[in-house]
Amino acid sequence: MGTHAESPHSRTRRLITNVRITDRDEQYVFLSANFIVMRY
């Protein structure tokens, strides 16, 4: 198989935003969130 290389190396950023509690019970908390990955 081939190999992959970048020059210069790319950077990666991960963001988790808008975290909201949607439900809960005695043991768990349920939530929703937005997730984005950016490579530059």
Protein backbone atom coordinates (compact mmCIF):
# COMPACT_ATOMS: atom_id res chain seq x y z
CA MET A 1 0.00 0.00 0.00
CA GLY A 2 1.02 3.60 -0.47
CA THR A 3 1.84 6.10 2.21
CA HIS A 4 0.50 9.58 2.81
CA ALA A 5 2.58 12.57 3.88
CA GLU A 6 1.89 16.29 4.10
CA SER A 7 4.44 19.05 4.10
CA PRO A 8 3.85 21.14 6.10
CA HIS A 9 1.76 18.94 8.39
CA SER A 10 -1.89 19.93 8.62
CA ARG A 11 -3.41 21.07 11.91
CA THR A 12 -6.62 19.67 13.33
CA ARG A 13 -9.12 21.43 15.57
CA ARG A 14 -12.11 19.78 17.26
CA LEU A 15 -14.98 21.78 18.72
CA ILE A 16 -17.90 20.58 20.81
CA THR A 17 -20.46 23.37 21.15
CA ASN A 18 -24.08 24.06 22.09
CA VAL A 19 -24.24 21.31 24.70
CA ARG A 20 -27.81 21.05 25.97
CA ILE A 21 -29.38 18.73 28.53
CA THR A 22 -32.36 17.08 26.85
CA ASP A 23 -33.46 14.69 29.61
CA ARG A 24 -32.27 13.15 32.86
CA ASP A 25 -33.15 10.45 35.33
CA GLU A 26 -31.67 9.25 38.62
CA GLN A 27 -28.54 7.83 37.02
CA TYR A 28 -28.05 9.45 33.58
CA VAL A 29 -28.07 12.83 31.90
CA PHE A 30 -28.98 12.90 28.21
CA LEU A 31 -27.71 15.70 26.03
CA SER A 32 -27.32 16.98 22.51
CA ALA A 33 -24.30 18.79 21.10
CA ASN A 34 -22.72 20.04 17.90
CA PHE A 35 -19.37 18.59 16.89
CA ILE A 36 -17.06 19.90 14.18
CA VAL A 37 -13.59 18.85 13.01
CA MET A 38 -11.50 21.29 11.00
CA ARG A 39 -8.27 20.50 9.21
CA TYR A 40 -6.11 23.30 7.87
